[in-house]
């Protein structure tokens, strides 16, 4: 099997174009079903076009959003105008709104492509833990990123198991936690759930359908190489629904250790 190659700058540009077009489609569709919301609310709270645009002076995951900056205000107001002109035509809105945003995407594209700052805070390989435990379950929450791009961490089960073992050690030794927890779209994906004990599956919350801007929802549209997931994008366009919705879950650290032991024995 040929090893996956890192994406090129042009492929990254294509990804930015495709994900922003999809989010513009989503914006129009969402407002059709939620007429009580505004364009501004969706732009700022449900999709992440801001961080991909040149309006974002910071890293890919900015600490703050400069909503009042002249550049963002110009983009936002232009999108509002385009929406008002094309409320009844989703395709025309997407095309016109993308034409407004494209120059800002192009201006930030190379900076975006070279930005690997998000992985710096990942203490356990592809996993990043919170800096305090939850008060109810004594749980340490964690987050997920693909630290093996252009490959997938699912292609390296030993690596993923090792990341979890490191997380569990930190959770117990540094934080005194008894449980781990996370909320992610991956909690709806069988190959992810295969790494967890039965109680993790039983403790899953209902799907979170109140869509927000972050990767817990939108990460599923990014491939292991960091390119656009066209198959999932097409599902959203055809159905108006995300392929997967985030669910929250938790389990005992002791049960997770037992599951990892079982996986290692079976490998």
C-alpha atoms as a PDB file:
ATOM      1  CA  UNK A   1       0.000   0.000   0.000  1.00  0.00           C
ATOM      2  CA  UNK A   2       1.344   3.412  -0.948  1.00  0.00           C
ATOM      3  CA  UNK A   3       1.895   5.713   2.006  1.00  0.00           C
ATOM      4  CA  UNK A   4      -0.306   8.827   2.007  1.00  0.00           C
ATOM      5  CA  UNK A   5       1.452  12.012   0.990  1.00  0.00           C
ATOM      6  CA  UNK A   6       1.143  15.373   2.763  1.00  0.00           C
ATOM      7  CA  UNK A   7      -1.338  17.723   1.164  1.00  0.00           C
ATOM      8  CA  UNK A   8       0.006  20.510  -0.990  1.00  0.00           C
ATOM      9  CA  UNK A   9      -0.731  24.206  -0.636  1.00  0.00           C
ATOM     10  CA  UNK A  10      -3.098  23.981  -3.595  1.00  0.00           C
ATOM     11  CA  UNK A  11      -4.935  21.066  -1.999  1.00  0.00           C
ATOM     12  CA  UNK A  12      -5.253  23.112   1.169  1.00  0.00           C
ATOM     13  CA  UNK A  13      -6.698  25.975  -0.830  1.00  0.00           C
ATOM     14  CA  UNK A  14      -9.204  23.556  -2.378  1.00  0.00           C
ATOM     15  CA  UNK A  15     -10.119  22.346   1.122  1.00  0.00           C
ATOM     16  CA  UNK A  16     -10.747  25.900   2.311  1.00  0.00           C
ATOM     17  CA  UNK A  17     -12.893  26.629  -0.725  1.00  0.00           C
ATOM     18  CA  UNK A  18     -14.930  23.434  -0.342  1.00  0.00           C
ATOM     19  CA  UNK A  19     -15.540  23.688   3.409  1.00  0.00           C
ATOM     20  CA  UNK A  20     -16.493  27.363   3.208  1.00  0.00           C
ATOM     21  CA  UNK A  21     -18.909  26.678   0.335  1.00  0.00           C
ATOM     22  CA  UNK A  22     -20.438  23.860   2.401  1.00  0.00           C
ATOM     23  CA  UNK A  23     -20.797  26.146   5.403  1.00  0.00           C
ATOM     24  CA  UNK A  24     -22.480  28.786   3.263  1.00  0.00           C
ATOM     25  CA  UNK A  25     -24.893  26.100   2.048  1.00  0.00           C
ATOM     26  CA  UNK A  26     -25.469  25.184   5.685  1.00  0.00           C
ATOM     27  CA  UNK A  27     -26.025  28.815   6.686  1.00  0.00           C
ATOM     28  CA  UNK A  28     -28.776  29.268   4.106  1.00  0.00           C
ATOM     29  CA  UNK A  29     -30.388  25.921   4.945  1.00  0.00           C
ATOM     30  CA  UNK A  30     -30.210  26.542   8.691  1.00  0.00           C
ATOM     31  CA  UNK A  31     -31.884  29.940   8.387  1.00  0.00           C
ATOM     32  CA  UNK A  32     -34.629  28.402   6.271  1.00  0.00           C
ATOM     33  CA  UNK A  33     -35.401  26.037   9.151  1.00  0.00           C
ATOM     34  CA  UNK A  34     -34.656  28.576  11.918  1.00  0.00           C
ATOM     35  CA  UNK A  35     -36.079  31.918  10.710  1.00  0.00           C
ATOM     36  CA  UNK A  36     -35.790  33.351  14.230  1.00  0.00           C
ATOM     37  CA  UNK A  37     -31.983  33.403  13.902  1.00  0.00           C
ATOM     38  CA  UNK A  38     -29.918  35.948  11.997  1.00  0.00           C
ATOM     39  CA  UNK A  39     -27.096  35.652   9.489  1.00  0.00           C
ATOM     40  CA  UNK A  40     -24.738  37.128  12.091  1.00  0.00           C
ATOM     41  CA  UNK A  41     -25.699  34.513  14.702  1.00  0.00           C
ATOM     42  CA  UNK A  42     -24.987  31.649  12.306  1.00  0.00           C
ATOM     43  CA  UNK A  43     -21.740  33.175  11.033  1.00  0.00           C
ATOM     44  CA  UNK A  44     -20.388  33.688  14.535  1.00  0.00           C
ATOM     45  CA  UNK A  45     -21.783  30.701  16.425  1.00  0.00           C
ATOM     46  CA  UNK A  46     -22.478  27.814  14.045  1.00  0.00           C
ATOM     47  CA  UNK A  47     -19.753  27.910  11.366  1.00  0.00           C
ATOM     48  CA  UNK A  48     -16.075  28.852  11.495  1.00  0.00           C
ATOM     49  CA  UNK A  49     -15.513  30.937   8.369  1.00  0.00           C
ATOM     50  CA  UNK A  50     -14.016  33.682  10.547  1.00  0.00           C
ATOM     51  CA  UNK A  51     -10.948  31.699  11.567  1.00  0.00           C
ATOM     52  CA  UNK A  52     -10.256  30.692   7.965  1.00  0.00           C
ATOM     53  CA  UNK A  53     -10.446  34.274   6.720  1.00  0.00           C
ATOM     54  CA  UNK A  54      -7.798  36.968   6.775  1.00  0.00           C
ATOM     55  CA  UNK A  55      -9.954  38.742   9.357  1.00  0.00           C
ATOM     56  CA  UNK A  56      -8.405  36.347  11.857  1.00  0.00           C
ATOM     57  CA  UNK A  57      -5.042  37.847  12.873  1.00  0.00           C
ATOM     58  CA  UNK A  58      -4.194  34.942  15.148  1.00  0.00           C
ATOM     59  CA  UNK A  59      -3.650  31.223  14.870  1.00  0.00           C
ATOM     60  CA  UNK A  60      -6.063  28.719  13.377  1.00  0.00           C
ATOM     61  CA  UNK A  61      -7.684  28.401  16.799  1.00  0.00           C
ATOM     62  CA  UNK A  62      -7.721  32.076  17.870  1.00  0.00           C
ATOM     63  CA  UNK A  63      -7.975  32.893  21.557  1.00  0.00           C
ATOM     64  CA  UNK A  64     -10.461  35.648  20.734  1.00  0.00           C
ATOM     65  CA  UNK A  65     -12.507  36.650  17.694  1.00  0.00           C
ATOM     66  CA  UNK A  66     -12.207  40.247  16.506  1.00  0.00           C
ATOM     67  CA  UNK A  67     -15.821  40.652  15.424  1.00  0.00           C
ATOM     68  CA  UNK A  68     -15.489  44.441  15.384  1.00  0.00           C
ATOM     69  CA  UNK A  69     -12.475  44.546  13.084  1.00  0.00           C
ATOM     70  CA  UNK A  70     -13.097  46.547   9.880  1.00  0.00           C
ATOM     71  CA  UNK A  71     -12.192  43.587   7.657  1.00  0.00           C
ATOM     72  CA  UNK A  72     -14.602  41.180   9.363  1.00  0.00           C
ATOM     73  CA  UNK A  73     -17.366  43.773   9.519  1.00  0.00           C
ATOM     74  CA  UNK A  74     -16.992  44.321   5.763  1.00  0.00           C
ATOM     75  CA  UNK A  75     -17.268  40.575   5.091  1.00  0.00           C
ATOM     76  CA  UNK A  76     -20.152  40.095   7.493  1.00  0.00           C
ATOM     77  CA  UNK A  77     -22.148  43.002   6.103  1.00  0.00           C
ATOM     78  CA  UNK A  78     -21.537  41.857   2.533  1.00  0.00           C
ATOM     79  CA  UNK A  79     -22.772  38.342   3.375  1.00  0.00           C
ATOM     80  CA  UNK A  80     -25.869  39.792   5.041  1.00  0.00           C
ATOM     81  CA  UNK A  81     -26.586  41.807   1.894  1.00  0.00           C
ATOM     82  CA  UNK A  82     -26.079  38.768  -0.355  1.00  0.00           C
ATOM     83  CA  UNK A  83     -28.383  36.705   1.850  1.00  0.00           C
ATOM     84  CA  UNK A  84     -31.116  39.343   1.780  1.00  0.00           C
ATOM     85  CA  UNK A  85     -30.851  39.385  -2.029  1.00  0.00           C
ATOM     86  CA  UNK A  86     -30.971  35.580  -2.332  1.00  0.00           C
ATOM     87  CA  UNK A  87     -33.199  34.298   0.460  1.00  0.00           C
ATOM     88  CA  UNK A  88     -35.135  32.127  -1.969  1.00  0.00           C
ATOM     89  CA  UNK A  89     -32.148  30.823  -3.957  1.00  0.00           C
ATOM     90  CA  UNK A  90     -29.618  28.789  -1.960  1.00  0.00           C
ATOM     91  CA  UNK A  91     -27.321  28.177  -4.916  1.00  0.00           C
ATOM     92  CA  UNK A  92     -27.191  31.844  -5.886  1.00  0.00           C
ATOM     93  CA  UNK A  93     -26.494  32.802  -2.259  1.00  0.00           C
ATOM     94  CA  UNK A  94     -23.658  30.280  -1.949  1.00  0.00           C
ATOM     95  CA  UNK A  95     -22.040  31.431  -5.180  1.00  0.00           C
ATOM     96  CA  UNK A  96     -22.318  35.162  -4.445  1.00  0.00           C
ATOM     97  CA  UNK A  97     -21.290  34.859  -0.787  1.00  0.00           C
ATOM     98  CA  UNK A  98     -18.269  32.750  -1.692  1.00  0.00           C
ATOM     99  CA  UNK A  99     -17.179  35.407  -4.196  1.00  0.00           C
ATOM    100  CA  UNK A 100     -17.219  37.869  -1.299  1.00  0.00           C
ATOM    101  CA  UNK A 101     -15.144  35.624   0.981  1.00  0.00           C
ATOM    102  CA  UNK A 102     -12.673  34.116  -1.506  1.00  0.00           C
ATOM    103  CA  UNK A 103     -10.150  36.992  -1.511  1.00  0.00           C
ATOM    104  CA  UNK A 104      -9.928  36.806   2.286  1.00  0.00           C
ATOM    105  CA  UNK A 105      -9.393  33.037   2.153  1.00  0.00           C
ATOM    106  CA  UNK A 106      -6.666  33.470  -0.444  1.00  0.00           C
ATOM    107  CA  UNK A 107      -4.929  36.115   1.643  1.00  0.00           C
ATOM    108  CA  UNK A 108      -4.724  33.781   4.645  1.00  0.00           C
ATOM    109  CA  UNK A 109      -4.326  30.468   2.822  1.00  0.00           C
ATOM    110  CA  UNK A 110      -0.568  29.986   3.113  1.00  0.00           C
ATOM    111  CA  UNK A 111      -0.544  31.124   6.742  1.00  0.00           C
ATOM    112  CA  UNK A 112      -3.346  28.667   7.424  1.00  0.00           C
ATOM    113  CA  UNK A 113      -1.493  25.894   5.591  1.00  0.00           C
ATOM    114  CA  UNK A 114       1.668  26.393   7.658  1.00  0.00           C
ATOM    115  CA  UNK A 115      -0.139  26.732  10.991  1.00  0.00           C
ATOM    116  CA  UNK A 116       0.431  23.650  13.156  1.00  0.00           C
ATOM    117  CA  UNK A 117      -0.040  25.475  16.437  1.00  0.00           C
ATOM    118  CA  UNK A 118      -3.182  23.551  17.368  1.00  0.00           C
ATOM    119  CA  UNK A 119      -1.187  20.358  17.967  1.00  0.00           C
ATOM    120  CA  UNK A 120       1.311  22.028  20.294  1.00  0.00           C
ATOM    121  CA  UNK A 121      -1.077  21.738  23.240  1.00  0.00           C
ATOM    122  CA  UNK A 122      -1.698  18.011  22.716  1.00  0.00           C
ATOM    123  CA  UNK A 123       0.073  16.387  25.649  1.00  0.00           C
ATOM    124  CA  UNK A 124      -0.753  12.756  24.809  1.00  0.00           C
ATOM    125  CA  UNK A 125      -0.101  12.336  21.091  1.00  0.00           C
ATOM    126  CA  UNK A 126      -3.469  12.676  19.399  1.00  0.00           C
ATOM    127  CA  UNK A 127      -5.202  13.453  22.711  1.00  0.00           C
ATOM    128  CA  UNK A 128      -5.304  16.653  24.744  1.00  0.00           C
ATOM    129  CA  UNK A 129      -6.626  16.655  28.283  1.00  0.00           C
ATOM    130  CA  UNK A 130      -8.322  19.443  30.151  1.00  0.00           C
ATOM    131  CA  UNK A 131      -6.414  21.191  32.924  1.00  0.00           C
ATOM    132  CA  UNK A 132      -8.896  20.365  35.662  1.00  0.00           C
ATOM    133  CA  UNK A 133     -11.298  17.562  36.490  1.00  0.00           C
ATOM    134  CA  UNK A 134     -15.042  17.731  36.369  1.00  0.00           C
ATOM    135  CA  UNK A 135     -16.708  18.271  39.725  1.00  0.00           C
ATOM    136  CA  UNK A 136     -19.498  15.689  39.412  1.00  0.00           C
ATOM    137  CA  UNK A 137     -17.798  12.586  38.027  1.00  0.00           C
ATOM    138  CA  UNK A 138     -14.208  13.391  38.966  1.00  0.00           C
ATOM    139  CA  UNK A 139     -13.568  13.026  35.246  1.00  0.00           C
ATOM    140  CA  UNK A 140     -10.772  14.381  33.095  1.00  0.00           C
ATOM    141  CA  UNK A 141     -12.142  15.580  29.784  1.00  0.00           C
ATOM    142  CA  UNK A 142     -10.101  15.197  26.614  1.00  0.00           C
ATOM    143  CA  UNK A 143     -10.034  16.313  22.975  1.00  0.00           C
ATOM    144  CA  UNK A 144      -8.889  14.590  19.779  1.00  0.00           C
ATOM    145  CA  UNK A 145      -6.783  15.641  16.786  1.00  0.00           C
ATOM    146  CA  UNK A 146      -5.083  13.698  14.024  1.00  0.00           C
ATOM    147  CA  UNK A 147      -1.421  14.058  14.953  1.00  0.00           C
ATOM    148  CA  UNK A 148      -0.363  11.504  12.297  1.00  0.00           C
ATOM    149  CA  UNK A 149      -1.516  13.419   9.203  1.00  0.00           C
ATOM    150  CA  UNK A 150      -1.363  12.659   6.329  1.00  0.00           C
ATOM    151  CA  UNK A 151      -2.059   9.212   7.786  1.00  0.00           C
ATOM    152  CA  UNK A 152      -4.985   8.403  10.068  1.00  0.00           C
ATOM    153  CA  UNK A 153      -4.479   7.377  13.666  1.00  0.00           C
ATOM    154  CA  UNK A 154      -7.003   4.630  12.965  1.00  0.00           C
ATOM    155  CA  UNK A 155      -4.337   3.085  10.721  1.00  0.00           C
ATOM    156  CA  UNK A 156      -2.058   2.780  13.762  1.00  0.00           C
ATOM    157  CA  UNK A 157      -4.046   1.128  16.557  1.00  0.00           C
ATOM    158  CA  UNK A 158      -0.945   0.602  18.721  1.00  0.00           C
ATOM    159  CA  UNK A 159      -0.306   4.335  18.612  1.00  0.00           C
ATOM    160  CA  UNK A 160      -3.871   5.172  19.606  1.00  0.00           C
ATOM    161  CA  UNK A 161      -3.742   2.688  22.481  1.00  0.00           C
ATOM    162  CA  UNK A 162      -0.460   4.234  23.659  1.00  0.00           C
ATOM    163  CA  UNK A 163      -2.022   7.703  23.557  1.00  0.00           C
ATOM    164  CA  UNK A 164      -4.896   6.516  25.703  1.00  0.00           C
ATOM    165  CA  UNK A 165      -2.538   4.839  28.176  1.00  0.00           C
ATOM    166  CA  UNK A 166      -0.618   8.084  28.560  1.00  0.00           C
ATOM    167  CA  UNK A 167      -3.874   9.976  29.060  1.00  0.00           C
ATOM    168  CA  UNK A 168      -5.011   7.540  31.744  1.00  0.00           C
ATOM    169  CA  UNK A 169      -1.694   7.794  33.594  1.00  0.00           C
ATOM    170  CA  UNK A 170      -1.888  11.589  33.587  1.00  0.00           C
ATOM    171  CA  UNK A 171      -5.536  11.525  34.660  1.00  0.00           C
ATOM    172  CA  UNK A 172      -4.791   9.368  37.709  1.00  0.00           C
ATOM    173  CA  UNK A 173      -1.346  10.556  38.750  1.00  0.00           C
ATOM    174  CA  UNK A 174      -1.571  14.278  38.085  1.00  0.00           C
ATOM    175  CA  UNK A 175      -5.273  14.961  38.554  1.00  0.00           C
ATOM    176  CA  UNK A 176      -6.533  12.140  40.790  1.00  0.00           C
ATOM    177  CA  UNK A 177      -9.334  11.505  38.296  1.00  0.00           C
ATOM    178  CA  UNK A 178     -11.386   8.307  38.328  1.00  0.00           C
ATOM    179  CA  UNK A 179     -13.117   8.795  34.979  1.00  0.00           C
ATOM    180  CA  UNK A 180     -12.388  10.177  31.485  1.00  0.00           C
ATOM    181  CA  UNK A 181     -14.905  11.906  29.234  1.00  0.00           C
ATOM    182  CA  UNK A 182     -15.328  13.653  25.911  1.00  0.00           C
ATOM    183  CA  UNK A 183     -17.952  14.961  23.532  1.00  0.00           C
ATOM    184  CA  UNK A 184     -17.257  14.409  19.838  1.00  0.00           C
ATOM    185  CA  UNK A 185     -18.834  13.338  16.554  1.00  0.00           C
ATOM    186  CA  UNK A 186     -16.559  10.294  16.797  1.00  0.00           C
ATOM    187  CA  UNK A 187     -18.795   8.975  19.576  1.00  0.00           C
ATOM    188  CA  UNK A 188     -21.212   8.094  16.760  1.00  0.00           C
ATOM    189  CA  UNK A 189     -18.552   6.183  14.770  1.00  0.00           C
ATOM    190  CA  UNK A 190     -18.092   2.402  15.343  1.00  0.00           C
ATOM    191  CA  UNK A 191     -14.316   2.291  14.685  1.00  0.00           C
ATOM    192  CA  UNK A 192     -13.784   4.883  17.414  1.00  0.00           C
ATOM    193  CA  UNK A 193     -16.144   3.202  19.844  1.00  0.00           C
ATOM    194  CA  UNK A 194     -14.198  -0.051  19.416  1.00  0.00           C
ATOM    195  CA  UNK A 195     -11.494   1.408  21.694  1.00  0.00           C
ATOM    196  CA  UNK A 196     -13.843   1.860  24.646  1.00  0.00           C
ATOM    197  CA  UNK A 197     -15.483  -0.406  27.218  1.00  0.00           C
ATOM    198  CA  UNK A 198     -19.153  -1.213  27.124  1.00  0.00           C
ATOM    199  CA  UNK A 199     -19.959   1.356  29.783  1.00  0.00           C
ATOM    200  CA  UNK A 200     -18.723   4.126  27.454  1.00  0.00           C
ATOM    201  CA  UNK A 201     -21.334   3.072  24.906  1.00  0.00           C
ATOM    202  CA  UNK A 202     -24.030   2.848  27.570  1.00  0.00           C
ATOM    203  CA  UNK A 203     -23.171   6.286  28.981  1.00  0.00           C
ATOM    204  CA  UNK A 204     -23.416   8.130  25.667  1.00  0.00           C
ATOM    205  CA  UNK A 205     -25.725  11.103  25.655  1.00  0.00           C
ATOM    206  CA  UNK A 206     -28.313  11.684  22.951  1.00  0.00           C
ATOM    207  CA  UNK A 207     -26.931  13.342  19.827  1.00  0.00           C
ATOM    208  CA  UNK A 208     -26.186  17.056  20.157  1.00  0.00           C
ATOM    209  CA  UNK A 209     -28.028  18.644  17.231  1.00  0.00           C
ATOM    210  CA  UNK A 210     -27.626  22.279  18.264  1.00  0.00           C
ATOM    211  CA  UNK A 211     -24.804  22.784  15.772  1.00  0.00           C
ATOM    212  CA  UNK A 212     -21.862  24.950  16.842  1.00  0.00           C
ATOM    213  CA  UNK A 213     -18.800  26.292  15.024  1.00  0.00           C
ATOM    214  CA  UNK A 214     -16.153  23.934  16.437  1.00  0.00           C
ATOM    215  CA  UNK A 215     -14.519  20.698  15.279  1.00  0.00           C
ATOM    216  CA  UNK A 216     -16.778  18.613  17.507  1.00  0.00           C
ATOM    217  CA  UNK A 217     -19.257  19.144  14.670  1.00  0.00           C
ATOM    218  CA  UNK A 218     -17.210  20.240  11.647  1.00  0.00           C
ATOM    219  CA  UNK A 219     -14.143  18.037  12.115  1.00  0.00           C
ATOM    220  CA  UNK A 220     -15.853  15.196  10.256  1.00  0.00           C
ATOM    221  CA  UNK A 221     -15.507  17.129   7.003  1.00  0.00           C
ATOM    222  CA  UNK A 222     -11.692  17.021   7.226  1.00  0.00           C
ATOM    223  CA  UNK A 223      -9.917  13.918   5.916  1.00  0.00           C
ATOM    224  CA  UNK A 224      -6.852  12.359   7.541  1.00  0.00           C
ATOM    225  CA  UNK A 225      -4.702  14.275   5.029  1.00  0.00           C
ATOM    226  CA  UNK A 226      -6.390  17.524   5.969  1.00  0.00           C
ATOM    227  CA  UNK A 227      -8.342  17.716   2.722  1.00  0.00           C
ATOM    228  CA  UNK A 228     -12.091  18.026   2.281  1.00  0.00           C
ATOM    229  CA  UNK A 229     -14.251  14.962   2.928  1.00  0.00           C
ATOM    230  CA  UNK A 230     -16.396  15.103  -0.193  1.00  0.00           C
ATOM    231  CA  UNK A 231     -18.520  12.083   0.739  1.00  0.00           C
ATOM    232  CA  UNK A 232     -19.628  13.606   4.022  1.00  0.00           C
ATOM    233  CA  UNK A 233     -20.084  16.992   2.402  1.00  0.00           C
ATOM    234  CA  UNK A 234     -22.447  15.472  -0.129  1.00  0.00           C
ATOM    235  CA  UNK A 235     -24.492  13.884   2.657  1.00  0.00           C
ATOM    236  CA  UNK A 236     -25.035  17.295   4.248  1.00  0.00           C
ATOM    237  CA  UNK A 237     -26.000  18.804   0.912  1.00  0.00           C
ATOM    238  CA  UNK A 238     -28.430  16.000   0.078  1.00  0.00           C
ATOM    239  CA  UNK A 239     -30.086  15.637   3.480  1.00  0.00           C
ATOM    240  CA  UNK A 240     -29.521  18.937   5.256  1.00  0.00           C
ATOM    241  CA  UNK A 241     -28.144  16.868   8.154  1.00  0.00           C
ATOM    242  CA  UNK A 242     -24.623  16.188   9.368  1.00  0.00           C
ATOM    243  CA  UNK A 243     -23.439  12.617   8.760  1.00  0.00           C
ATOM    244  CA  UNK A 244     -22.614  12.344  12.489  1.00  0.00           C
ATOM    245  CA  UNK A 245     -23.660  14.389  15.482  1.00  0.00           C
ATOM    246  CA  UNK A 246     -21.549  14.706  18.623  1.00  0.00           C
ATOM    247  CA  UNK A 247     -22.435  12.700  21.681  1.00  0.00           C
ATOM    248  CA  UNK A 248     -20.862  13.002  25.120  1.00  0.00           C
ATOM    249  CA  UNK A 249     -19.721  10.011  27.133  1.00  0.00           C
ATOM    250  CA  UNK A 250     -17.588   8.883  30.042  1.00  0.00           C
ATOM    251  CA  UNK A 251     -16.242   5.754  31.687  1.00  0.00           C
ATOM    252  CA  UNK A 252     -14.150   4.631  34.621  1.00  0.00           C
ATOM    253  CA  UNK A 253     -10.407   4.723  34.061  1.00  0.00           C
ATOM    254  CA  UNK A 254     -10.189   1.178  35.416  1.00  0.00           C
ATOM    255  CA  UNK A 255     -12.673  -0.047  32.789  1.00  0.00           C
ATOM    256  CA  UNK A 256     -10.741   1.759  30.048  1.00  0.00           C
ATOM    257  CA  UNK A 257      -7.503   0.090  31.154  1.00  0.00           C
ATOM    258  CA  UNK A 258      -9.163  -3.309  30.967  1.00  0.00           C
ATOM    259  CA  UNK A 259     -10.416  -2.559  27.462  1.00  0.00           C
ATOM    260  CA  UNK A 260      -6.968  -1.471  26.288  1.00  0.00           C
ATOM    261  CA  UNK A 261      -5.468  -4.654  27.758  1.00  0.00           C
ATOM    262  CA  UNK A 262      -7.991  -6.690  25.786  1.00  0.00           C
ATOM    263  CA  UNK A 263      -7.212  -4.821  22.562  1.00  0.00           C
ATOM    264  CA  UNK A 264      -3.484  -5.425  22.979  1.00  0.00           C
ATOM    265  CA  UNK A 265      -4.028  -9.120  23.583  1.00  0.00           C
ATOM    266  CA  UNK A 266      -6.162  -9.377  20.447  1.00  0.00           C
ATOM    267  CA  UNK A 267      -3.702  -7.524  18.212  1.00  0.00           C
END
